[in-house]
């Protein structure tokens, strides 16, 4: 499948991110989702991100695509104190 056909085939993935109120950026077969939050709200963001990833995996499956779990990761940009607070609450 050429790049233009792939993009047309996957262009409705934005509905998944919109449903979770997450921003995203896509380029070819790579999608990055992101959200900005204050540290006190980080605990509520984690389940939302997890559910979004699950929904993206379901979306992929419905189109006979496969989400590569080995390339799926969460990156936290913020203070280590906020990250420790988040990890302790999970």
PDB file of N, CA and C in Angstrom:
ATOM      1  N   UNK A   1       0.864  -1.169   0.000  1.00  0.00           N
ATOM      2  CA  UNK A   1       0.000   0.000   0.000  1.00  0.00           C
ATOM      3  C   UNK A   1       0.908   1.228   0.000  1.00  0.00           C
ATOM      4  N   UNK A   2       0.685   2.134  -0.900  1.00  0.00           N
ATOM      5  CA  UNK A   2       1.493   3.341  -0.975  1.00  0.00           C
ATOM      6  C   UNK A   2       1.161   4.311   0.150  1.00  0.00           C
ATOM      7  N   UNK A   3       2.015   5.315   0.361  1.00  0.00           N
ATOM      8  CA  UNK A   3       1.812   6.260   1.463  1.00  0.00           C
ATOM      9  C   UNK A   3       0.462   6.976   1.414  1.00  0.00           C
ATOM     10  N   UNK A   4       0.039   7.420   0.243  1.00  0.00           N
ATOM     11  CA  UNK A   4      -1.235   8.141   0.148  1.00  0.00           C
ATOM     12  C   UNK A   4      -2.410   7.223   0.459  1.00  0.00           C
ATOM     13  N   UNK A   5      -2.341   5.982  -0.008  1.00  0.00           N
ATOM     14  CA  UNK A   5      -3.419   5.030   0.275  1.00  0.00           C
ATOM     15  C   UNK A   5      -3.454   4.706   1.766  1.00  0.00           C
ATOM     16  N   UNK A   6      -2.285   4.565   2.382  1.00  0.00           N
ATOM     17  CA  UNK A   6      -2.233   4.265   3.813  1.00  0.00           C
ATOM     18  C   UNK A   6      -2.830   5.411   4.619  1.00  0.00           C
ATOM     19  N   UNK A   7      -2.487   6.622   4.277  1.00  0.00           N
ATOM     20  CA  UNK A   7      -3.012   7.787   5.006  1.00  0.00           C
ATOM     21  C   UNK A   7      -4.528   7.867   4.841  1.00  0.00           C
ATOM     22  N   UNK A   8      -5.031   7.645   3.658  1.00  0.00           N
ATOM     23  CA  UNK A   8      -6.480   7.658   3.437  1.00  0.00           C
ATOM     24  C   UNK A   8      -7.155   6.545   4.232  1.00  0.00           C
ATOM     25  N   UNK A   9      -6.489   5.402   4.332  1.00  0.00           N
ATOM     26  CA  UNK A   9      -7.027   4.239   5.047  1.00  0.00           C
ATOM     27  C   UNK A   9      -7.084   4.479   6.549  1.00  0.00           C
ATOM     28  N   UNK A  10      -6.184   5.309   7.059  1.00  0.00           N
ATOM     29  CA  UNK A  10      -6.083   5.501   8.511  1.00  0.00           C
ATOM     30  C   UNK A  10      -6.487   6.892   8.982  1.00  0.00           C
ATOM     31  N   UNK A  11      -7.015   7.711   8.105  1.00  0.00           N
ATOM     32  CA  UNK A  11      -7.279   9.096   8.491  1.00  0.00           C
ATOM     33  C   UNK A  11      -8.332   9.248   9.588  1.00  0.00           C
ATOM     34  N   UNK A  12      -9.188   8.266   9.791  1.00  0.00           N
ATOM     35  CA  UNK A  12     -10.221   8.414  10.818  1.00  0.00           C
ATOM     36  C   UNK A  12      -9.746   8.006  12.215  1.00  0.00           C
ATOM     37  N   UNK A  13      -8.459   7.727  12.384  1.00  0.00           N
ATOM     38  CA  UNK A  13      -7.944   7.427  13.722  1.00  0.00           C
ATOM     39  C   UNK A  13      -8.096   8.654  14.630  1.00  0.00           C
ATOM     40  N   UNK A  14      -8.205   9.829  14.049  1.00  0.00           N
ATOM     41  CA  UNK A  14      -8.382  11.033  14.865  1.00  0.00           C
ATOM     42  C   UNK A  14      -9.646  10.969  15.715  1.00  0.00           C
ATOM     43  N   UNK A  15     -10.641  10.221  15.274  1.00  0.00           N
ATOM     44  CA  UNK A  15     -11.862  10.069  16.071  1.00  0.00           C
ATOM     45  C   UNK A  15     -11.567   9.422  17.422  1.00  0.00           C
ATOM     46  N   UNK A  16     -10.617   8.489  17.448  1.00  0.00           N
ATOM     47  CA  UNK A  16     -10.261   7.809  18.696  1.00  0.00           C
ATOM     48  C   UNK A  16      -9.637   8.812  19.668  1.00  0.00           C
ATOM     49  N   UNK A  17      -8.687   9.598  19.191  1.00  0.00           N
ATOM     50  CA  UNK A  17      -8.025  10.570  20.063  1.00  0.00           C
ATOM     51  C   UNK A  17      -8.983  11.673  20.490  1.00  0.00           C
ATOM     52  N   UNK A  18      -9.841  12.098  19.603  1.00  0.00           N
ATOM     53  CA  UNK A  18     -10.829  13.126  19.948  1.00  0.00           C
ATOM     54  C   UNK A  18     -11.781  12.634  21.032  1.00  0.00           C
ATOM     55  N   UNK A  19     -12.167  11.377  20.971  1.00  0.00           N
ATOM     56  CA  UNK A  19     -13.073  10.817  21.971  1.00  0.00           C
ATOM     57  C   UNK A  19     -12.455  10.843  23.366  1.00  0.00           C
ATOM     58  N   UNK A  20     -11.125  10.802  23.441  1.00  0.00           N
ATOM     59  CA  UNK A  20     -10.425  10.825  24.737  1.00  0.00           C
ATOM     60  C   UNK A  20      -9.891  12.213  25.063  1.00  0.00           C
ATOM     61  N   UNK A  21     -10.205  13.183  24.240  1.00  0.00           N
ATOM     62  CA  UNK A  21      -9.759  14.567  24.421  1.00  0.00           C
ATOM     63  C   UNK A  21      -8.239  14.651  24.521  1.00  0.00           C
ATOM     64  N   UNK A  22      -7.568  13.953  23.600  1.00  0.00           N
ATOM     65  CA  UNK A  22      -6.120  13.967  23.536  1.00  0.00           C
ATOM     66  C   UNK A  22      -5.674  14.575  22.215  1.00  0.00           C
ATOM     67  N   UNK A  23      -4.575  15.300  22.249  1.00  0.00           N
ATOM     68  CA  UNK A  23      -3.979  15.824  21.024  1.00  0.00           C
ATOM     69  C   UNK A  23      -3.135  14.714  20.414  1.00  0.00           C
ATOM     70  N   UNK A  24      -2.913  14.791  19.125  1.00  0.00           N
ATOM     71  CA  UNK A  24      -2.082  13.781  18.479  1.00  0.00           C
ATOM     72  C   UNK A  24      -1.407  14.377  17.251  1.00  0.00           C
ATOM     73  N   UNK A  25      -0.388  13.678  16.821  1.00  0.00           N
ATOM     74  CA  UNK A  25       0.337  14.041  15.607  1.00  0.00           C
ATOM     75  C   UNK A  25       0.614  12.748  14.872  1.00  0.00           C
ATOM     76  N   UNK A  26       0.356  12.722  13.590  1.00  0.00           N
ATOM     77  CA  UNK A  26       0.641  11.513  12.825  1.00  0.00           C
ATOM     78  C   UNK A  26       1.529  11.849  11.636  1.00  0.00           C
ATOM     79  N   UNK A  27       2.375  10.902  11.337  1.00  0.00           N
ATOM     80  CA  UNK A  27       3.249  11.014  10.182  1.00  0.00           C
ATOM     81  C   UNK A  27       3.427   9.618   9.616  1.00  0.00           C
ATOM     82  N   UNK A  28       2.948   9.397   8.412  1.00  0.00           N
ATOM     83  CA  UNK A  28       2.982   8.081   7.763  1.00  0.00           C
ATOM     84  C   UNK A  28       2.347   7.054   8.691  1.00  0.00           C
ATOM     85  N   UNK A  29       3.107   6.061   9.136  1.00  0.00           N
ATOM     86  CA  UNK A  29       2.523   5.013   9.978  1.00  0.00           C
ATOM     87  C   UNK A  29       2.839   5.215  11.456  1.00  0.00           C
ATOM     88  N   UNK A  30       3.220   6.419  11.849  1.00  0.00           N
ATOM     89  CA  UNK A  30       3.570   6.721  13.236  1.00  0.00           C
ATOM     90  C   UNK A  30       2.573   7.737  13.791  1.00  0.00           C
ATOM     91  N   UNK A  31       2.057   7.465  14.980  1.00  0.00           N
ATOM     92  CA  UNK A  31       1.126   8.388  15.636  1.00  0.00           C
ATOM     93  C   UNK A  31       1.634   8.656  17.038  1.00  0.00           C
ATOM     94  N   UNK A  32       1.629   9.918  17.419  1.00  0.00           N
ATOM     95  CA  UNK A  32       2.028  10.314  18.764  1.00  0.00           C
ATOM     96  C   UNK A  32       0.875  11.090  19.379  1.00  0.00           C
ATOM     97  N   UNK A  33       0.489  10.675  20.559  1.00  0.00           N
ATOM     98  CA  UNK A  33      -0.565  11.366  21.297  1.00  0.00           C
ATOM     99  C   UNK A  33       0.067  12.067  22.482  1.00  0.00           C
ATOM    100  N   UNK A  34      -0.485  13.202  22.847  1.00  0.00           N
ATOM    101  CA  UNK A  34       0.093  13.944  23.955  1.00  0.00           C
ATOM    102  C   UNK A  34      -0.976  14.769  24.650  1.00  0.00           C
ATOM    103  N   UNK A  35      -0.657  15.131  25.884  1.00  0.00           N
ATOM    104  CA  UNK A  35      -1.553  15.980  26.658  1.00  0.00           C
ATOM    105  C   UNK A  35      -0.723  16.773  27.651  1.00  0.00           C
ATOM    106  N   UNK A  36      -1.139  17.961  27.916  1.00  0.00           N
ATOM    107  CA  UNK A  36      -0.483  18.808  28.908  1.00  0.00           C
ATOM    108  C   UNK A  36      -1.382  18.857  30.128  1.00  0.00           C
ATOM    109  N   UNK A  37      -0.799  18.687  31.287  1.00  0.00           N
ATOM    110  CA  UNK A  37      -1.581  18.717  32.509  1.00  0.00           C
ATOM    111  C   UNK A  37      -0.732  19.218  33.671  1.00  0.00           C
ATOM    112  N   UNK A  38      -1.390  19.654  34.699  1.00  0.00           N
ATOM    113  CA  UNK A  38      -0.677  20.011  35.925  1.00  0.00           C
ATOM    114  C   UNK A  38      -0.420  18.723  36.699  1.00  0.00           C
ATOM    115  N   UNK A  39       0.640  18.685  37.494  1.00  0.00           N
ATOM    116  CA  UNK A  39       0.972  17.450  38.210  1.00  0.00           C
ATOM    117  C   UNK A  39      -0.171  16.876  39.045  1.00  0.00           C
ATOM    118  N   UNK A  40      -0.996  17.713  39.615  1.00  0.00           N
ATOM    119  CA  UNK A  40      -2.084  17.204  40.459  1.00  0.00           C
ATOM    120  C   UNK A  40      -3.134  16.435  39.659  1.00  0.00           C
ATOM    121  N   UNK A  41      -3.199  16.657  38.343  1.00  0.00           N
ATOM    122  CA  UNK A  41      -4.162  15.948  37.493  1.00  0.00           C
ATOM    123  C   UNK A  41      -3.558  14.713  36.821  1.00  0.00           C
ATOM    124  N   UNK A  42      -2.295  14.441  37.059  1.00  0.00           N
ATOM    125  CA  UNK A  42      -1.625  13.329  36.381  1.00  0.00           C
ATOM    126  C   UNK A  42      -2.283  11.993  36.688  1.00  0.00           C
ATOM    127  N   UNK A  43      -2.817  11.839  37.874  1.00  0.00           N
ATOM    128  CA  UNK A  43      -3.451  10.568  38.252  1.00  0.00           C
ATOM    129  C   UNK A  43      -4.672  10.293  37.378  1.00  0.00           C
ATOM    130  N   UNK A  44      -5.393  11.306  36.979  1.00  0.00           N
ATOM    131  CA  UNK A  44      -6.574  11.104  36.133  1.00  0.00           C
ATOM    132  C   UNK A  44      -6.208  10.927  34.665  1.00  0.00           C
ATOM    133  N   UNK A  45      -5.031  11.378  34.282  1.00  0.00           N
ATOM    134  CA  UNK A  45      -4.597  11.278  32.889  1.00  0.00           C
ATOM    135  C   UNK A  45      -4.161   9.853  32.554  1.00  0.00           C
ATOM    136  N   UNK A  46      -3.499   9.195  33.472  1.00  0.00           N
ATOM    137  CA  UNK A  46      -2.975   7.853  33.207  1.00  0.00           C
ATOM    138  C   UNK A  46      -4.047   6.868  32.736  1.00  0.00           C
ATOM    139  N   UNK A  47      -5.182   6.731  33.424  1.00  0.00           N
ATOM    140  CA  UNK A  47      -6.213   5.811  32.933  1.00  0.00           C
ATOM    141  C   UNK A  47      -6.773   6.229  31.566  1.00  0.00           C
ATOM    142  N   UNK A  48      -6.848   7.525  31.328  1.00  0.00           N
ATOM    143  CA  UNK A  48      -7.338   8.016  30.037  1.00  0.00           C
ATOM    144  C   UNK A  48      -6.392   7.610  28.904  1.00  0.00           C
ATOM    145  N   UNK A  49      -5.092   7.731  29.145  1.00  0.00           N
ATOM    146  CA  UNK A  49      -4.114   7.320  28.147  1.00  0.00           C
ATOM    147  C   UNK A  49      -4.170   5.817  27.914  1.00  0.00           C
ATOM    148  N   UNK A  50      -4.294   5.051  28.986  1.00  0.00           N
ATOM    149  CA  UNK A  50      -4.370   3.595  28.860  1.00  0.00           C
ATOM    150  C   UNK A  50      -5.602   3.182  28.054  1.00  0.00           C
ATOM    151  N   UNK A  51      -6.731   3.808  28.322  1.00  0.00           N
ATOM    152  CA  UNK A  51      -7.950   3.477  27.588  1.00  0.00           C
ATOM    153  C   UNK A  51      -7.829   3.885  26.132  1.00  0.00           C
ATOM    154  N   UNK A  52      -7.200   5.009  25.874  1.00  0.00           N
ATOM    155  CA  UNK A  52      -7.008   5.454  24.496  1.00  0.00           C
ATOM    156  C   UNK A  52      -6.132   4.459  23.733  1.00  0.00           C
ATOM    157  N   UNK A  53      -5.049   4.000  24.352  1.00  0.00           N
ATOM    158  CA  UNK A  53      -4.185   3.021  23.696  1.00  0.00           C
ATOM    159  C   UNK A  53      -4.966   1.748  23.405  1.00  0.00           C
ATOM    160  N   UNK A  54      -5.787   1.326  24.344  1.00  0.00           N
ATOM    161  CA  UNK A  54      -6.615   0.138  24.134  1.00  0.00           C
ATOM    162  C   UNK A  54      -7.584   0.357  22.969  1.00  0.00           C
ATOM    163  N   UNK A  55      -8.188   1.534  22.909  1.00  0.00           N
ATOM    164  CA  UNK A  55      -9.122   1.844  21.822  1.00  0.00           C
ATOM    165  C   UNK A  55      -8.403   1.939  20.470  1.00  0.00           C
ATOM    166  N   UNK A  56      -7.180   2.457  20.469  1.00  0.00           N
ATOM    167  CA  UNK A  56      -6.404   2.511  19.226  1.00  0.00           C
ATOM    168  C   UNK A  56      -6.084   1.082  18.768  1.00  0.00           C
ATOM    169  N   UNK A  57      -5.741   0.209  19.704  1.00  0.00           N
ATOM    170  CA  UNK A  57      -5.478  -1.190  19.354  1.00  0.00           C
ATOM    171  C   UNK A  57      -6.729  -1.838  18.756  1.00  0.00           C
ATOM    172  N   UNK A  58      -7.889  -1.558  19.353  1.00  0.00           N
ATOM    173  CA  UNK A  58      -9.156  -2.079  18.798  1.00  0.00           C
ATOM    174  C   UNK A  58      -9.414  -1.512  17.408  1.00  0.00           C
ATOM    175  N   UNK A  59      -9.165  -0.217  17.245  1.00  0.00           N
ATOM    176  CA  UNK A  59      -9.338   0.442  15.953  1.00  0.00           C
ATOM    177  C   UNK A  59      -8.444  -0.223  14.910  1.00  0.00           C
ATOM    178  N   UNK A  60      -7.189  -0.465  15.286  1.00  0.00           N
ATOM    179  CA  UNK A  60      -6.256  -1.137  14.366  1.00  0.00           C
ATOM    180  C   UNK A  60      -6.780  -2.519  13.989  1.00  0.00           C
ATOM    181  N   UNK A  61      -7.218  -3.275  14.989  1.00  0.00           N
ATOM    182  CA  UNK A  61      -7.715  -4.618  14.732  1.00  0.00           C
ATOM    183  C   UNK A  61      -8.903  -4.637  13.791  1.00  0.00           C
ATOM    184  N   UNK A  62      -9.761  -3.632  13.905  1.00  0.00           N
ATOM    185  CA  UNK A  62     -10.940  -3.581  13.032  1.00  0.00           C
ATOM    186  C   UNK A  62     -10.569  -3.284  11.578  1.00  0.00           C
ATOM    187  N   UNK A  63      -9.337  -2.838  11.365  1.00  0.00           N
ATOM    188  CA  UNK A  63      -8.858  -2.533  10.012  1.00  0.00           C
ATOM    189  C   UNK A  63      -7.748  -3.485   9.566  1.00  0.00           C
ATOM    190  N   UNK A  64      -7.627  -4.569  10.303  1.00  0.00           N
ATOM    191  CA  UNK A  64      -6.602  -5.589  10.027  1.00  0.00           C
ATOM    192  C   UNK A  64      -5.198  -5.009  10.059  1.00  0.00           C
ATOM    193  N   UNK A  65      -5.007  -4.057  10.967  1.00  0.00           N
ATOM    194  CA  UNK A  65      -3.688  -3.493  11.242  1.00  0.00           C
ATOM    195  C   UNK A  65      -3.261  -3.987  12.618  1.00  0.00           C
ATOM    196  N   UNK A  66      -1.985  -3.903  12.909  1.00  0.00           N
ATOM    197  CA  UNK A  66      -1.506  -4.355  14.205  1.00  0.00           C
ATOM    198  C   UNK A  66      -0.736  -3.234  14.878  1.00  0.00           C
ATOM    199  N   UNK A  67      -1.114  -2.941  16.117  1.00  0.00           N
ATOM    200  CA  UNK A  67      -0.388  -1.972  16.926  1.00  0.00           C
ATOM    201  C   UNK A  67       0.856  -2.665  17.454  1.00  0.00           C
ATOM    202  N   UNK A  68       2.013  -2.090  17.241  1.00  0.00           N
ATOM    203  CA  UNK A  68       3.259  -2.680  17.692  1.00  0.00           C
ATOM    204  C   UNK A  68       3.497  -2.285  19.145  1.00  0.00           C
ATOM    205  N   UNK A  69       3.172  -3.190  20.058  1.00  0.00           N
ATOM    206  CA  UNK A  69       3.305  -2.912  21.486  1.00  0.00           C
ATOM    207  C   UNK A  69       4.753  -2.624  21.873  1.00  0.00           C
ATOM    208  N   UNK A  70       5.705  -3.207  21.166  1.00  0.00           N
ATOM    209  CA  UNK A  70       7.120  -2.975  21.473  1.00  0.00           C
ATOM    210  C   UNK A  70       7.538  -1.527  21.173  1.00  0.00           C
ATOM    211  N   UNK A  71       6.775  -0.855  20.329  1.00  0.00           N
ATOM    212  CA  UNK A  71       7.084   0.535  19.994  1.00  0.00           C
ATOM    213  C   UNK A  71       6.103   1.510  20.635  1.00  0.00           C
ATOM    214  N   UNK A  72       5.287   1.014  21.550  1.00  0.00           N
ATOM    215  CA  UNK A  72       4.316   1.858  22.242  1.00  0.00           C
ATOM    216  C   UNK A  72       4.862   2.166  23.627  1.00  0.00           C
ATOM    217  N   UNK A  73       5.040   3.440  23.921  1.00  0.00           N
ATOM    218  CA  UNK A  73       5.613   3.806  25.213  1.00  0.00           C
ATOM    219  C   UNK A  73       5.036   5.119  25.711  1.00  0.00           C
ATOM    220  N   UNK A  74       5.155   5.318  26.990  1.00  0.00           N
ATOM    221  CA  UNK A  74       4.706   6.547  27.642  1.00  0.00           C
ATOM    222  C   UNK A  74       5.939   7.313  28.085  1.00  0.00           C
ATOM    223  N   UNK A  75       5.957   8.589  27.773  1.00  0.00           N
ATOM    224  CA  UNK A  75       7.059   9.450  28.206  1.00  0.00           C
ATOM    225  C   UNK A  75       6.476  10.546  29.093  1.00  0.00           C
ATOM    226  N   UNK A  76       7.103  10.767  30.216  1.00  0.00           N
ATOM    227  CA  UNK A  76       6.671  11.795  31.153  1.00  0.00           C
ATOM    228  C   UNK A  76       7.693  12.914  31.138  1.00  0.00           C
ATOM    229  N   UNK A  77       7.242  14.127  30.879  1.00  0.00           N
ATOM    230  CA  UNK A  77       8.096  15.302  30.953  1.00  0.00           C
ATOM    231  C   UNK A  77       7.587  16.141  32.111  1.00  0.00           C
ATOM    232  N   UNK A  78       8.340  16.178  33.173  1.00  0.00           N
ATOM    233  CA  UNK A  78       7.932  16.922  34.355  1.00  0.00           C
ATOM    234  C   UNK A  78       8.860  16.611  35.497  1.00  0.00           C
ATOM    235  N   UNK A  79       8.473  17.040  36.672  1.00  0.00           N
ATOM    236  CA  UNK A  79       9.334  16.846  37.829  1.00  0.00           C
ATOM    237  C   UNK A  79       9.309  15.389  38.298  1.00  0.00           C
ATOM    238  N   UNK A  80      10.391  14.963  38.882  1.00  0.00           N
ATOM    239  CA  UNK A  80      10.459  13.591  39.402  1.00  0.00           C
ATOM    240  C   UNK A  80       9.511  13.428  40.587  1.00  0.00           C
ATOM    241  N   UNK A  81       9.277  14.490  41.346  1.00  0.00           N
ATOM    242  CA  UNK A  81       8.338  14.414  42.473  1.00  0.00           C
ATOM    243  C   UNK A  81       6.924  14.132  41.975  1.00  0.00           C
ATOM    244  N   UNK A  82       6.520  14.782  40.895  1.00  0.00           N
ATOM    245  CA  UNK A  82       5.186  14.547  40.343  1.00  0.00           C
ATOM    246  C   UNK A  82       5.086  13.131  39.773  1.00  0.00           C
ATOM    247  N   UNK A  83       6.143  12.676  39.139  1.00  0.00           N
ATOM    248  CA  UNK A  83       6.144  11.319  38.594  1.00  0.00           C
ATOM    249  C   UNK A  83       6.067  10.291  39.722  1.00  0.00           C
ATOM    250  N   UNK A  84       6.831  10.474  40.797  1.00  0.00           N
ATOM    251  CA  UNK A  84       6.770   9.552  41.934  1.00  0.00           C
ATOM    252  C   UNK A  84       5.387   9.539  42.567  1.00  0.00           C
ATOM    253  N   UNK A  85       4.771  10.701  42.651  1.00  0.00           N
ATOM    254  CA  UNK A  85       3.406  10.774  43.180  1.00  0.00           C
ATOM    255  C   UNK A  85       2.434   9.987  42.307  1.00  0.00           C
ATOM    256  N   UNK A  86       2.589  10.109  40.996  1.00  0.00           N
ATOM    257  CA  UNK A  86       1.747   9.380  40.069  1.00  0.00           C
ATOM    258  C   UNK A  86       1.966   7.874  40.214  1.00  0.00           C
ATOM    259  N   UNK A  87       3.202   7.447  40.236  1.00  0.00           N
ATOM    260  CA  UNK A  87       3.510   6.022  40.336  1.00  0.00           C
ATOM    261  C   UNK A  87       3.028   5.430  41.655  1.00  0.00           C
ATOM    262  N   UNK A  88       3.114   6.191  42.723  1.00  0.00           N
ATOM    263  CA  UNK A  88       2.656   5.702  44.031  1.00  0.00           C
ATOM    264  C   UNK A  88       1.147   5.575  44.096  1.00  0.00           C
ATOM    265  N   UNK A  89       0.435   6.332  43.260  1.00  0.00           N
ATOM    266  CA  UNK A  89      -1.028   6.283  43.300  1.00  0.00           C
ATOM    267  C   UNK A  89      -1.595   5.151  42.446  1.00  0.00           C
ATOM    268  N   UNK A  90      -0.771   4.559  41.579  1.00  0.00           N
ATOM    269  CA  UNK A  90      -1.258   3.497  40.686  1.00  0.00           C
ATOM    270  C   UNK A  90      -1.323   2.162  41.358  1.00  0.00           C
TER     271      UNK A  90
END
